[in-house]
Amino acid sequence: MAPRVSFEYELTILNNNLRDMGTLIESAIDKVIKAFENEDGTLATEIIQGDRTINDMERVIESRCLSLILRQQPVAKDLRIVTTALKVVTDMERIGDHAADISELILRNIKQNTYSIVKAIPKMAQVAKEMVHDAVDAFISCDTEAARVTIKKDDIVDDLFNEVKSTVIEAMKNSGENADSYIDILMIAKYMERIGDHAVNICEWTEFHETGSLNNVRIL
């Protein structure tokens, strides 16, 4: 197989791996929404256990990237493709970690009857999940315009986070009970916000992937 054909073949496999990992983390966020809304400890436990699969997928992709660099010795844009995949997979793994972190908090607060006051968290999770899907898709498709559109959605997540903060602060003022649970709700919202931030990172790596610039600074 000619070197270029071999590289393209390996790149297709890499992109398929990234898409599969993206599907896993989207599924984890979906389950988090359901576990939160239904105070479902069984589902929360399933998410935590599933994080191992996401971690395993990260190692597979990292290994494939390093193998590509060693065997194909890519330069210029080809090198950017592989190095950005290494960056993106780290952000994707962190998203999986945050889903597991949220699940641990859900387990800690089942039957505290505090989740019902916060309507914005499921909305945050839905927007964050859409951002993750669109960010991964933009990276694989090399679509910088789609990446820019996705970045703008982060403002929605930030606004919803501020809504959660206001709701929780008001609830704590009105009731001295369940203070720890309210703090955990804030942490859940913060993890959701971080998921949005990681989606933004993936979008920024998409721009670097295509232009060699990151935040308008030429790097490679």
N, C-alpha and C. Protein backbone atom coordinates (compact mmCIF):
# COMPACT_ATOMS: atom_id res chain seq x y z
N MET A 1 0.84 -1.19 0.00
CA MET A 1 0.00 0.00 0.00
C MET A 1 0.88 1.24 0.00
N ALA A 2 0.61 2.19 -0.90
CA ALA A 2 1.38 3.43 -0.99
C ALA A 2 1.27 4.20 0.32
N PRO A 3 2.35 4.93 0.70
CA PRO A 3 2.34 5.64 1.98
C PRO A 3 1.13 6.55 2.17
N ARG A 4 0.76 7.31 1.10
CA ARG A 4 -0.37 8.24 1.24
C ARG A 4 -1.68 7.48 1.43
N VAL A 5 -1.85 6.43 0.68
CA VAL A 5 -3.07 5.62 0.81
C VAL A 5 -3.13 5.00 2.20
N SER A 6 -1.99 4.53 2.68
CA SER A 6 -1.92 3.94 4.01
C SER A 6 -2.30 4.96 5.08
N PHE A 7 -1.78 6.19 4.93
CA PHE A 7 -2.09 7.25 5.90
C PHE A 7 -3.59 7.55 5.91
N GLU A 8 -4.17 7.69 4.73
CA GLU A 8 -5.61 7.99 4.62
C GLU A 8 -6.44 6.87 5.25
N TYR A 9 -6.01 5.64 5.04
CA TYR A 9 -6.72 4.49 5.62
C TYR A 9 -6.67 4.54 7.15
N GLU A 10 -5.47 4.79 7.68
CA GLU A 10 -5.30 4.87 9.13
C GLU A 10 -6.10 6.05 9.69
N LEU A 11 -6.14 7.14 8.94
CA LEU A 11 -6.88 8.32 9.39
C LEU A 11 -8.38 8.03 9.46
N THR A 12 -8.88 7.27 8.51
CA THR A 12 -10.30 6.88 8.52
C THR A 12 -10.63 6.07 9.76
N ILE A 13 -9.75 5.14 10.10
CA ILE A 13 -9.95 4.33 11.31
C ILE A 13 -9.92 5.23 12.56
N LEU A 14 -8.97 6.18 12.57
CA LEU A 14 -8.86 7.10 13.70
C LEU A 14 -10.15 7.91 13.87
N ASN A 15 -10.66 8.44 12.76
CA ASN A 15 -11.90 9.22 12.82
C ASN A 15 -13.08 8.37 13.28
N ASN A 16 -13.11 7.12 12.85
CA ASN A 16 -14.18 6.22 13.30
C ASN A 16 -14.09 5.98 14.81
N ASN A 17 -12.86 5.84 15.30
CA ASN A 17 -12.66 5.68 16.74
C ASN A 17 -13.14 6.92 17.51
N LEU A 18 -12.81 8.09 16.98
CA LEU A 18 -13.25 9.34 17.61
C LEU A 18 -14.77 9.44 17.62
N ARG A 19 -15.38 9.06 16.51
CA ARG A 19 -16.84 9.12 16.44
C ARG A 19 -17.48 8.14 17.44
N ASP A 20 -16.88 6.95 17.56
CA ASP A 20 -17.39 5.97 18.52
C ASP A 20 -17.27 6.49 19.95
N MET A 21 -16.15 7.13 20.25
CA MET A 21 -15.96 7.69 21.59
C MET A 21 -16.95 8.82 21.83
N GLY A 22 -17.19 9.63 20.79
CA GLY A 22 -18.18 10.69 20.90
C GLY A 22 -19.56 10.15 21.22
N THR A 23 -19.91 9.04 20.60
CA THR A 23 -21.20 8.40 20.87
C THR A 23 -21.29 7.95 22.33
N LEU A 24 -20.18 7.42 22.84
CA LEU A 24 -20.15 6.97 24.24
C LEU A 24 -20.37 8.12 25.21
N ILE A 25 -19.71 9.25 24.97
CA ILE A 25 -19.85 10.36 25.93
C ILE A 25 -21.21 11.04 25.79
N GLU A 26 -21.75 11.08 24.58
CA GLU A 26 -23.12 11.60 24.43
C GLU A 26 -24.10 10.73 25.20
N SER A 27 -23.94 9.43 25.09
CA SER A 27 -24.81 8.49 25.81
C SER A 27 -24.68 8.69 27.32
N ALA A 28 -23.45 8.94 27.78
CA ALA A 28 -23.24 9.17 29.21
C ALA A 28 -23.98 10.42 29.68
N ILE A 29 -23.94 11.49 28.86
CA ILE A 29 -24.66 12.72 29.23
C ILE A 29 -26.16 12.48 29.24
N ASP A 30 -26.65 11.75 28.24
CA ASP A 30 -28.08 11.39 28.20
C ASP A 30 -28.51 10.68 29.47
N LYS A 31 -27.69 9.72 29.88
CA LYS A 31 -28.01 8.95 31.09
C LYS A 31 -27.95 9.83 32.33
N VAL A 32 -27.02 10.79 32.34
CA VAL A 32 -26.92 11.71 33.47
C VAL A 32 -28.21 12.51 33.61
N ILE A 33 -28.75 12.98 32.49
CA ILE A 33 -30.00 13.74 32.53
C ILE A 33 -31.10 12.89 33.18
N LYS A 34 -31.22 11.65 32.73
CA LYS A 34 -32.26 10.76 33.26
C LYS A 34 -32.02 10.43 34.73
N ALA A 35 -30.76 10.18 35.07
CA ALA A 35 -30.44 9.84 36.47
C ALA A 35 -30.75 11.02 37.39
N PHE A 36 -30.47 12.23 36.92
CA PHE A 36 -30.73 13.43 37.71
C PHE A 36 -32.23 13.65 37.88
N GLU A 37 -32.96 13.60 36.77
CA GLU A 37 -34.40 13.89 36.81
C GLU A 37 -35.17 12.84 37.62
N ASN A 38 -34.72 11.59 37.54
CA ASN A 38 -35.45 10.50 38.20
C ASN A 38 -34.81 10.04 39.51
N GLU A 39 -33.70 10.71 39.89
CA GLU A 39 -32.94 10.30 41.07
C GLU A 39 -32.69 8.79 41.03
N ASP A 40 -32.14 8.37 39.90
CA ASP A 40 -31.96 6.94 39.60
C ASP A 40 -30.54 6.51 39.96
N GLY A 41 -30.41 5.88 41.11
CA GLY A 41 -29.09 5.44 41.57
C GLY A 41 -28.50 4.33 40.72
N THR A 42 -29.36 3.46 40.22
CA THR A 42 -28.87 2.36 39.38
C THR A 42 -28.25 2.90 38.10
N LEU A 43 -28.91 3.87 37.49
CA LEU A 43 -28.38 4.46 36.27
C LEU A 43 -27.11 5.26 36.55
N ALA A 44 -27.08 5.97 37.67
CA ALA A 44 -25.87 6.72 38.05
C ALA A 44 -24.68 5.77 38.21
N THR A 45 -24.91 4.63 38.82
CA THR A 45 -23.85 3.64 38.98
C THR A 45 -23.39 3.11 37.63
N GLU A 46 -24.33 2.91 36.73
CA GLU A 46 -23.99 2.44 35.38
C GLU A 46 -23.10 3.44 34.65
N ILE A 47 -23.36 4.72 34.84
CA ILE A 47 -22.54 5.76 34.20
C ILE A 47 -21.11 5.71 34.74
N ILE A 48 -20.98 5.58 36.05
CA ILE A 48 -19.65 5.52 36.67
C ILE A 48 -18.87 4.32 36.15
N GLN A 49 -19.53 3.18 36.07
CA GLN A 49 -18.86 1.98 35.56
C GLN A 49 -18.51 2.12 34.08
N GLY A 50 -19.37 2.80 33.32
CA GLY A 50 -19.14 2.98 31.89
C GLY A 50 -17.97 3.89 31.58
N ASP A 51 -17.55 4.69 32.57
CA ASP A 51 -16.41 5.59 32.34
C ASP A 51 -15.14 4.81 32.04
N ARG A 52 -15.06 3.58 32.51
CA ARG A 52 -13.88 2.74 32.22
C ARG A 52 -13.78 2.47 30.72
N THR A 53 -14.93 2.26 30.07
CA THR A 53 -14.93 2.02 28.63
C THR A 53 -14.44 3.24 27.88
N ILE A 54 -14.86 4.43 28.34
CA ILE A 54 -14.41 5.68 27.72
C ILE A 54 -12.90 5.83 27.90
N ASN A 55 -12.40 5.52 29.09
CA ASN A 55 -10.96 5.59 29.33
C ASN A 55 -10.19 4.62 28.44
N ASP A 56 -10.74 3.43 28.27
CA ASP A 56 -10.11 2.44 27.39
C ASP A 56 -10.06 2.94 25.95
N MET A 57 -11.14 3.58 25.52
CA MET A 57 -11.19 4.12 24.16
C MET A 57 -10.15 5.22 23.97
N GLU A 58 -9.97 6.04 25.01
CA GLU A 58 -8.94 7.08 24.95
C GLU A 58 -7.57 6.46 24.70
N ARG A 59 -7.26 5.39 25.42
CA ARG A 59 -5.94 4.75 25.26
C ARG A 59 -5.78 4.15 23.86
N VAL A 60 -6.84 3.59 23.32
CA VAL A 60 -6.79 3.04 21.96
C VAL A 60 -6.48 4.15 20.95
N ILE A 61 -7.14 5.28 21.09
CA ILE A 61 -6.94 6.39 20.15
C ILE A 61 -5.55 6.99 20.31
N GLU A 62 -5.11 7.16 21.55
CA GLU A 62 -3.75 7.68 21.77
C GLU A 62 -2.71 6.76 21.14
N SER A 63 -2.89 5.47 21.32
CA SER A 63 -1.96 4.50 20.73
C SER A 63 -1.95 4.59 19.21
N ARG A 64 -3.13 4.74 18.63
CA ARG A 64 -3.22 4.84 17.17
C ARG A 64 -2.53 6.11 16.66
N CYS A 65 -2.72 7.22 17.38
CA CYS A 65 -2.08 8.48 16.99
C CYS A 65 -0.56 8.37 17.05
N LEU A 66 -0.06 7.82 18.14
CA LEU A 66 1.39 7.69 18.29
C LEU A 66 1.96 6.75 17.24
N SER A 67 1.24 5.69 16.94
CA SER A 67 1.67 4.76 15.89
C SER A 67 1.73 5.45 14.54
N LEU A 68 0.73 6.30 14.26
CA LEU A 68 0.72 7.05 12.99
C LEU A 68 1.93 7.97 12.89
N ILE A 69 2.25 8.65 13.99
CA ILE A 69 3.39 9.57 13.98
C ILE A 69 4.70 8.81 13.76
N LEU A 70 4.86 7.69 14.43
CA LEU A 70 6.10 6.92 14.32
C LEU A 70 6.26 6.25 12.96
N ARG A 71 5.18 5.70 12.43
CA ARG A 71 5.29 4.93 11.18
C ARG A 71 5.18 5.80 9.93
N GLN A 72 4.32 6.82 9.99
CA GLN A 72 4.08 7.64 8.80
C GLN A 72 4.92 8.92 8.77
N GLN A 73 5.40 9.35 9.95
CA GLN A 73 6.18 10.58 10.08
C GLN A 73 5.52 11.73 9.30
N PRO A 74 4.28 12.07 9.66
CA PRO A 74 3.56 13.12 8.93
C PRO A 74 4.17 14.50 9.15
N VAL A 75 3.96 15.39 8.20
CA VAL A 75 4.44 16.77 8.30
C VAL A 75 3.28 17.70 7.98
N ALA A 76 3.49 19.01 8.29
CA ALA A 76 2.53 20.05 7.96
C ALA A 76 1.11 19.69 8.43
N LYS A 77 0.13 19.78 7.52
CA LYS A 77 -1.26 19.56 7.92
C LYS A 77 -1.49 18.14 8.42
N ASP A 78 -0.84 17.16 7.82
CA ASP A 78 -1.01 15.77 8.28
C ASP A 78 -0.59 15.62 9.74
N LEU A 79 0.49 16.31 10.10
CA LEU A 79 0.94 16.25 11.49
C LEU A 79 -0.07 16.94 12.41
N ARG A 80 -0.64 18.06 11.95
CA ARG A 80 -1.65 18.75 12.74
C ARG A 80 -2.87 17.86 12.98
N ILE A 81 -3.25 17.11 11.97
CA ILE A 81 -4.41 16.22 12.10
C ILE A 81 -4.21 15.25 13.26
N VAL A 82 -3.03 14.66 13.31
CA VAL A 82 -2.77 13.63 14.33
C VAL A 82 -2.58 14.26 15.71
N THR A 83 -1.83 15.36 15.78
CA THR A 83 -1.57 15.98 17.08
C THR A 83 -2.85 16.56 17.68
N THR A 84 -3.72 17.12 16.84
CA THR A 84 -4.97 17.65 17.38
C THR A 84 -5.89 16.52 17.84
N ALA A 85 -5.84 15.38 17.18
CA ALA A 85 -6.63 14.23 17.64
C ALA A 85 -6.22 13.84 19.06
N LEU A 86 -4.92 13.92 19.34
CA LEU A 86 -4.44 13.63 20.69
C LEU A 86 -5.00 14.62 21.71
N LYS A 87 -5.10 15.88 21.31
CA LYS A 87 -5.66 16.90 22.19
C LYS A 87 -7.16 16.69 22.39
N VAL A 88 -7.85 16.43 21.29
CA VAL A 88 -9.31 16.27 21.32
C VAL A 88 -9.71 15.08 22.19
N VAL A 89 -8.99 13.98 22.07
CA VAL A 89 -9.36 12.79 22.84
C VAL A 89 -9.21 13.03 24.34
N THR A 90 -8.28 13.91 24.72
CA THR A 90 -8.14 14.27 26.13
C THR A 90 -9.37 15.02 26.62
N ASP A 91 -9.85 15.97 25.82
CA ASP A 91 -11.07 16.69 26.19
C ASP A 91 -12.26 15.74 26.25
N MET A 92 -12.33 14.81 25.33
CA MET A 92 -13.44 13.86 25.32
C MET A 92 -13.41 12.97 26.58
N GLU A 93 -12.23 12.55 26.96
CA GLU A 93 -12.10 11.72 28.17
C GLU A 93 -12.53 12.50 29.41
N ARG A 94 -12.20 13.79 29.44
CA ARG A 94 -12.58 14.62 30.58
C ARG A 94 -14.10 14.78 30.65
N ILE A 95 -14.75 14.84 29.50
CA ILE A 95 -16.21 14.90 29.49
C ILE A 95 -16.80 13.65 30.14
N GLY A 96 -16.23 12.50 29.80
CA GLY A 96 -16.66 11.26 30.43
C GLY A 96 -16.44 11.28 31.94
N ASP A 97 -15.30 11.84 32.35
CA ASP A 97 -15.02 11.96 33.79
C ASP A 97 -16.07 12.82 34.48
N HIS A 98 -16.44 13.93 33.84
CA HIS A 98 -17.42 14.83 34.45
C HIS A 98 -18.78 14.16 34.58
N ALA A 99 -19.15 13.35 33.58
CA ALA A 99 -20.41 12.60 33.68
C ALA A 99 -20.37 11.66 34.88
N ALA A 100 -19.22 11.02 35.10
CA ALA A 100 -19.07 10.13 36.26
C ALA A 100 -19.08 10.93 37.57
N ASP A 101 -18.43 12.11 37.56
CA ASP A 101 -18.42 12.96 38.76
C ASP A 101 -19.84 13.37 39.14
N ILE A 102 -20.63 13.76 38.15
CA ILE A 102 -22.02 14.14 38.40
C ILE A 102 -22.79 12.96 38.97
N SER A 103 -22.54 11.79 38.42
CA SER A 103 -23.24 10.58 38.87
C SER A 103 -22.95 10.28 40.34
N GLU A 104 -21.71 10.51 40.76
CA GLU A 104 -21.36 10.29 42.16
C GLU A 104 -22.13 11.25 43.07
N LEU A 105 -22.30 12.49 42.61
CA LEU A 105 -23.07 13.46 43.39
C LEU A 105 -24.55 13.09 43.43
N ILE A 106 -25.05 12.57 42.32
CA ILE A 106 -26.45 12.11 42.30
C ILE A 106 -26.66 11.00 43.32
N LEU A 107 -25.74 10.05 43.36
CA LEU A 107 -25.84 8.95 44.33
C LEU A 107 -25.84 9.47 45.77
N ARG A 108 -25.09 10.53 46.00
CA ARG A 108 -24.97 11.06 47.36
C ARG A 108 -26.23 11.80 47.81
N ASN A 109 -27.04 12.23 46.85
CA ASN A 109 -28.16 13.11 47.19
C ASN A 109 -29.53 12.53 46.89
N ILE A 110 -29.59 11.25 46.58
CA ILE A 110 -30.89 10.63 46.32
C ILE A 110 -31.78 10.74 47.57
N LYS A 111 -33.04 11.10 47.34
CA LYS A 111 -34.07 11.24 48.38
C LYS A 111 -33.87 12.48 49.25
N GLN A 112 -33.05 13.43 48.79
CA GLN A 112 -32.91 14.69 49.52
C GLN A 112 -34.00 15.70 49.13
N ASN A 113 -34.72 15.38 48.03
CA ASN A 113 -35.83 16.23 47.56
C ASN A 113 -35.39 17.66 47.25
N THR A 114 -34.21 17.81 46.71
CA THR A 114 -33.72 19.15 46.35
C THR A 114 -33.62 19.36 44.85
N TYR A 115 -33.52 18.28 44.08
CA TYR A 115 -33.31 18.43 42.64
C TYR A 115 -34.48 19.11 41.94
N SER A 116 -35.69 18.94 42.49
CA SER A 116 -36.87 19.47 41.81
C SER A 116 -36.87 20.98 41.69
N ILE A 117 -36.08 21.67 42.53
CA ILE A 117 -36.08 23.14 42.47
C ILE A 117 -35.26 23.66 41.29
N VAL A 118 -34.43 22.81 40.72
CA VAL A 118 -33.49 23.27 39.68
C VAL A 118 -33.93 22.75 38.32
N LYS A 119 -34.60 23.60 37.57
CA LYS A 119 -35.09 23.20 36.24
C LYS A 119 -34.03 23.40 35.16
N ALA A 120 -33.02 24.20 35.45
CA ALA A 120 -32.05 24.58 34.41
C ALA A 120 -31.01 23.50 34.15
N ILE A 121 -30.75 22.61 35.11
CA ILE A 121 -29.68 21.63 34.93
C ILE A 121 -29.96 20.67 33.77
N PRO A 122 -31.15 20.08 33.66
CA PRO A 122 -31.41 19.25 32.48
C PRO A 122 -31.27 20.02 31.17
N LYS A 123 -31.66 21.30 31.18
CA LYS A 123 -31.50 22.13 29.98
C LYS A 123 -30.02 22.31 29.66
N MET A 124 -29.23 22.59 30.70
CA MET A 124 -27.77 22.71 30.53
C MET A 124 -27.20 21.46 29.91
N ALA A 125 -27.61 20.32 30.44
CA ALA A 125 -27.08 19.04 29.97
C ALA A 125 -27.44 18.80 28.51
N GLN A 126 -28.66 19.17 28.13
CA GLN A 126 -29.09 18.96 26.75
C GLN A 126 -28.27 19.82 25.79
N VAL A 127 -28.07 21.09 26.14
CA VAL A 127 -27.26 21.97 25.29
C VAL A 127 -25.82 21.48 25.24
N ALA A 128 -25.29 21.08 26.39
CA ALA A 128 -23.91 20.57 26.44
C ALA A 128 -23.75 19.33 25.57
N LYS A 129 -24.74 18.45 25.63
CA LYS A 129 -24.69 17.23 24.80
C LYS A 129 -24.69 17.58 23.32
N GLU A 130 -25.54 18.54 22.93
CA GLU A 130 -25.57 18.99 21.54
C GLU A 130 -24.22 19.59 21.13
N MET A 131 -23.63 20.36 22.04
CA MET A 131 -22.32 20.95 21.76
C MET A 131 -21.26 19.88 21.54
N VAL A 132 -21.28 18.85 22.39
CA VAL A 132 -20.30 17.76 22.25
C VAL A 132 -20.47 17.07 20.90
N HIS A 133 -21.71 16.75 20.57
CA HIS A 133 -21.98 16.08 19.28
C HIS A 133 -21.49 16.94 18.12
N ASP A 134 -21.86 18.21 18.13
CA ASP A 134 -21.51 19.10 17.02
C ASP A 134 -20.01 19.36 16.96
N ALA A 135 -19.37 19.44 18.13
CA ALA A 135 -17.92 19.69 18.17
C ALA A 135 -17.14 18.52 17.59
N VAL A 136 -17.49 17.31 18.00
CA VAL A 136 -16.81 16.12 17.48
C VAL A 136 -17.06 15.99 15.98
N ASP A 137 -18.30 16.23 15.57
CA ASP A 137 -18.64 16.14 14.15
C ASP A 137 -17.87 17.18 13.34
N ALA A 138 -17.76 18.40 13.88
CA ALA A 138 -17.01 19.45 13.18
C ALA A 138 -15.54 19.09 13.05
N PHE A 139 -14.98 18.49 14.10
CA PHE A 139 -13.57 18.10 14.05
C PHE A 139 -13.33 17.04 12.99
N ILE A 140 -14.16 16.01 12.99
CA ILE A 140 -13.98 14.92 12.03
C ILE A 140 -14.22 15.40 10.60
N SER A 141 -15.17 16.33 10.45
CA SER A 141 -15.51 16.85 9.11
C SER A 141 -14.61 18.01 8.69
N CYS A 142 -13.72 18.45 9.59
CA CYS A 142 -12.83 19.59 9.31
C CYS A 142 -13.64 20.84 8.98
N ASP A 143 -14.75 21.04 9.71
CA ASP A 143 -15.69 22.13 9.42
C ASP A 143 -15.50 23.25 10.43
N THR A 144 -14.70 24.24 10.08
CA THR A 144 -14.42 25.33 11.01
C THR A 144 -15.63 26.22 11.24
N GLU A 145 -16.48 26.37 10.24
CA GLU A 145 -17.68 27.20 10.41
C GLU A 145 -18.63 26.56 11.42
N ALA A 146 -18.83 25.25 11.31
CA ALA A 146 -19.67 24.54 12.28
C ALA A 146 -19.07 24.64 13.68
N ALA A 147 -17.74 24.61 13.76
CA ALA A 147 -17.07 24.75 15.06
C ALA A 147 -17.36 26.11 15.67
N ARG A 148 -17.32 27.17 14.86
CA ARG A 148 -17.59 28.52 15.37
C ARG A 148 -19.03 28.65 15.86
N VAL A 149 -19.96 28.06 15.13
CA VAL A 149 -21.37 28.08 15.53
C VAL A 149 -21.54 27.37 16.88
N THR A 150 -20.86 26.26 17.03
CA THR A 150 -20.95 25.48 18.27
C THR A 150 -20.39 26.26 19.46
N ILE A 151 -19.30 26.96 19.25
CA ILE A 151 -18.69 27.76 20.33
C ILE A 151 -19.69 28.77 20.88
N LYS A 152 -20.49 29.36 20.01
CA LYS A 152 -21.45 30.38 20.45
C LYS A 152 -22.49 29.81 21.41
N LYS A 153 -22.76 28.51 21.32
CA LYS A 153 -23.75 27.90 22.20
C LYS A 153 -23.28 27.86 23.66
N ASP A 154 -21.99 28.06 23.86
CA ASP A 154 -21.47 28.02 25.23
C ASP A 154 -22.06 29.14 26.07
N ASP A 155 -22.46 30.24 25.42
CA ASP A 155 -23.11 31.33 26.15
C ASP A 155 -24.42 30.87 26.78
N ILE A 156 -25.13 29.98 26.09
CA ILE A 156 -26.38 29.44 26.63
C ILE A 156 -26.11 28.64 27.89
N VAL A 157 -25.08 27.81 27.84
CA VAL A 157 -24.71 27.00 29.01
C VAL A 157 -24.32 27.90 30.18
N ASP A 158 -23.55 28.95 29.89
CA ASP A 158 -23.13 29.87 30.95
C ASP A 158 -24.33 30.58 31.58
N ASP A 159 -25.28 31.00 30.74
CA ASP A 159 -26.48 31.67 31.26
C ASP A 159 -27.30 30.73 32.15
N LEU A 160 -27.41 29.48 31.73
CA LEU A 160 -28.15 28.50 32.54
C LEU A 160 -27.43 28.21 33.85
N PHE A 161 -26.09 28.21 33.81
CA PHE A 161 -25.33 28.02 35.04
C PHE A 161 -25.62 29.15 36.03
N ASN A 162 -25.66 30.37 35.51
CA ASN A 162 -25.98 31.52 36.38
C ASN A 162 -27.39 31.41 36.94
N GLU A 163 -28.30 30.87 36.14
CA GLU A 163 -29.67 30.65 36.62
C GLU A 163 -29.69 29.64 37.76
N VAL A 164 -28.91 28.57 37.62
CA VAL A 164 -28.82 27.58 38.70
C VAL A 164 -28.27 28.22 39.97
N LYS A 165 -27.21 29.01 39.82
CA LYS A 165 -26.62 29.67 41.00
C LYS A 165 -27.66 30.53 41.72
N SER A 166 -28.41 31.32 40.95
CA SER A 166 -29.41 32.19 41.56
C SER A 166 -30.49 31.39 42.28
N THR A 167 -30.93 30.30 41.65
CA THR A 167 -31.96 29.46 42.25
C THR A 167 -31.48 28.83 43.55
N VAL A 168 -30.26 28.32 43.53
CA VAL A 168 -29.72 27.65 44.72
C VAL A 168 -29.48 28.65 45.85
N ILE A 169 -28.95 29.81 45.52
CA ILE A 169 -28.70 30.84 46.54
C ILE A 169 -30.01 31.24 47.21
N GLU A 170 -31.05 31.42 46.40
CA GLU A 170 -32.36 31.80 46.95
C GLU A 170 -32.92 30.69 47.83
N ALA A 171 -32.75 29.44 47.40
CA ALA A 171 -33.24 28.30 48.19
C ALA A 171 -32.51 28.21 49.53
N MET A 172 -31.22 28.47 49.51
CA MET A 172 -30.45 28.40 50.75
C MET A 172 -30.81 29.53 51.71
N LYS A 173 -31.18 30.68 51.15
CA LYS A 173 -31.63 31.79 52.00
C LYS A 173 -32.94 31.45 52.70
N ASN A 174 -33.80 30.75 51.99
CA ASN A 174 -35.14 30.45 52.51
C ASN A 174 -35.18 29.22 53.41
N SER A 175 -34.13 28.40 53.34
CA SER A 175 -34.11 27.19 54.15
C SER A 175 -32.69 26.85 54.56
N GLY A 176 -32.50 26.65 55.83
CA GLY A 176 -31.17 26.29 56.32
C GLY A 176 -30.88 24.81 56.18
N GLU A 177 -31.91 24.05 55.80
CA GLU A 177 -31.74 22.61 55.65
C GLU A 177 -31.14 22.26 54.29
N ASN A 178 -30.57 21.09 54.20
CA ASN A 178 -30.05 20.55 52.94
C ASN A 178 -28.95 21.41 52.31
N ALA A 179 -28.19 22.12 53.13
CA ALA A 179 -27.15 23.00 52.60
C ALA A 179 -26.13 22.21 51.77
N ASP A 180 -25.73 21.05 52.27
CA ASP A 180 -24.75 20.23 51.55
C ASP A 180 -25.30 19.79 50.19
N SER A 181 -26.57 19.45 50.18
CA SER A 181 -27.20 19.02 48.92
C SER A 181 -27.25 20.16 47.92
N TYR A 182 -27.53 21.36 48.40
CA TYR A 182 -27.56 22.52 47.49
C TYR A 182 -26.17 22.80 46.91
N ILE A 183 -25.16 22.64 47.74
CA ILE A 183 -23.79 22.83 47.25
C ILE A 183 -23.46 21.79 46.18
N ASP A 184 -23.91 20.56 46.40
CA ASP A 184 -23.69 19.52 45.39
C ASP A 184 -24.41 19.83 44.08
N ILE A 185 -25.59 20.45 44.18
CA ILE A 185 -26.30 20.86 42.96
C ILE A 185 -25.45 21.87 42.19
N LEU A 186 -24.85 22.80 42.91
CA LEU A 186 -23.96 23.77 42.25
C LEU A 186 -22.79 23.06 41.58
N MET A 187 -22.25 22.05 42.24
CA MET A 187 -21.14 21.29 41.66
C MET A 187 -21.59 20.55 40.40
N ILE A 188 -22.80 19.99 40.43
CA ILE A 188 -23.33 19.32 39.24
C ILE A 188 -23.41 20.31 38.08
N ALA A 189 -23.94 21.50 38.37
CA ALA A 189 -24.04 22.53 37.33
C ALA A 189 -22.66 22.94 36.82
N LYS A 190 -21.69 23.02 37.74
CA LYS A 190 -20.33 23.40 37.35
C LYS A 190 -19.73 22.35 36.43
N TYR A 191 -19.94 21.08 36.73
CA TYR A 191 -19.44 20.01 35.85
C TYR A 191 -20.10 20.10 34.47
N MET A 192 -21.38 20.43 34.44
CA MET A 192 -22.06 20.61 33.15
C MET A 192 -21.44 21.76 32.36
N GLU A 193 -21.14 22.84 33.07
CA GLU A 193 -20.49 23.97 32.42
C GLU A 193 -19.13 23.56 31.85
N ARG A 194 -18.40 22.74 32.61
CA ARG A 194 -17.09 22.29 32.15
C ARG A 194 -17.21 21.40 30.90
N ILE A 195 -18.29 20.61 30.83
CA ILE A 195 -18.51 19.81 29.62
C ILE A 195 -18.64 20.73 28.41
N GLY A 196 -19.38 21.83 28.58
CA GLY A 196 -19.47 22.81 27.50
C GLY A 196 -18.12 23.40 27.15
N ASP A 197 -17.31 23.67 28.16
CA ASP A 197 -15.97 24.22 27.93
C ASP A 197 -15.09 23.25 27.14
N HIS A 198 -15.20 21.97 27.45
CA HIS A 198 -14.41 20.97 26.70
C HIS A 198 -14.88 20.88 25.25
N ALA A 199 -16.18 21.05 25.03
CA ALA A 199 -16.69 21.07 23.65
C ALA A 199 -16.11 22.27 22.90
N VAL A 200 -16.00 23.40 23.58
CA VAL A 200 -15.37 24.59 22.98
C VAL A 200 -13.91 24.29 22.63
N ASN A 201 -13.20 23.63 23.53
CA ASN A 201 -11.81 23.26 23.26
C ASN A 201 -11.70 22.43 21.98
N ILE A 202 -12.60 21.46 21.82
CA ILE A 202 -12.58 20.61 20.63
C ILE A 202 -12.78 21.46 19.38
N CYS A 203 -13.69 22.43 19.47
CA CYS A 203 -13.92 23.33 18.34
C CYS A 203 -12.69 24.17 18.02
N GLU A 204 -12.01 24.63 19.05
CA GLU A 204 -10.79 25.42 18.82
C GLU A 204 -9.69 24.57 18.20
N TRP A 205 -9.62 23.29 18.60
CA TRP A 205 -8.64 22.39 17.97
C TRP A 205 -9.01 22.12 16.52
N THR A 206 -10.30 22.22 16.19
CA THR A 206 -10.72 22.06 14.79
C THR A 206 -10.14 23.18 13.94
N GLU A 207 -10.15 24.39 14.48
CA GLU A 207 -9.57 25.52 13.74
C GLU A 207 -8.07 25.33 13.57
N PHE A 208 -7.40 24.88 14.62
CA PHE A 208 -5.96 24.63 14.51
C PHE A 208 -5.68 23.53 13.50
N HIS A 209 -6.49 22.49 13.55
CA HIS A 209 -6.43 21.36 12.62
C HIS A 209 -6.37 21.87 11.18
N GLU A 210 -7.19 22.89 10.87
CA GLU A 210 -7.31 23.37 9.50
C GLU A 210 -6.35 24.51 9.15
N THR A 211 -6.04 25.36 10.12
CA THR A 211 -5.28 26.59 9.82
C THR A 211 -3.88 26.62 10.41
N GLY A 212 -3.63 25.81 11.43
CA GLY A 212 -2.35 25.88 12.12
C GLY A 212 -2.31 27.00 13.14
N SER A 213 -3.45 27.69 13.34
CA SER A 213 -3.54 28.78 14.30
C SER A 213 -4.50 28.41 15.42
N LEU A 214 -4.18 28.87 16.62
CA LEU A 214 -5.04 28.65 17.78
C LEU A 214 -5.25 29.99 18.46
N ASN A 215 -6.53 30.39 18.57
CA ASN A 215 -6.85 31.71 19.13
C ASN A 215 -6.10 32.82 18.40
N ASN A 216 -6.09 32.69 17.07
CA ASN A 216 -5.48 33.68 16.17
C ASN A 216 -3.96 33.77 16.28
N VAL A 217 -3.34 32.78 16.90
CA VAL A 217 -1.88 32.73 16.99
C VAL A 217 -1.38 31.56 16.16
N ARG A 218 -0.49 31.84 15.21
CA ARG A 218 0.05 30.79 14.35
C ARG A 218 1.00 29.91 15.15
N ILE A 219 0.73 28.60 15.16
CA ILE A 219 1.54 27.66 15.94
C ILE A 219 2.30 26.69 15.05
N LEU A 220 1.58 26.12 14.05
CA LEU A 220 2.22 25.09 13.22
C LEU A 220 1.70 25.19 11.80
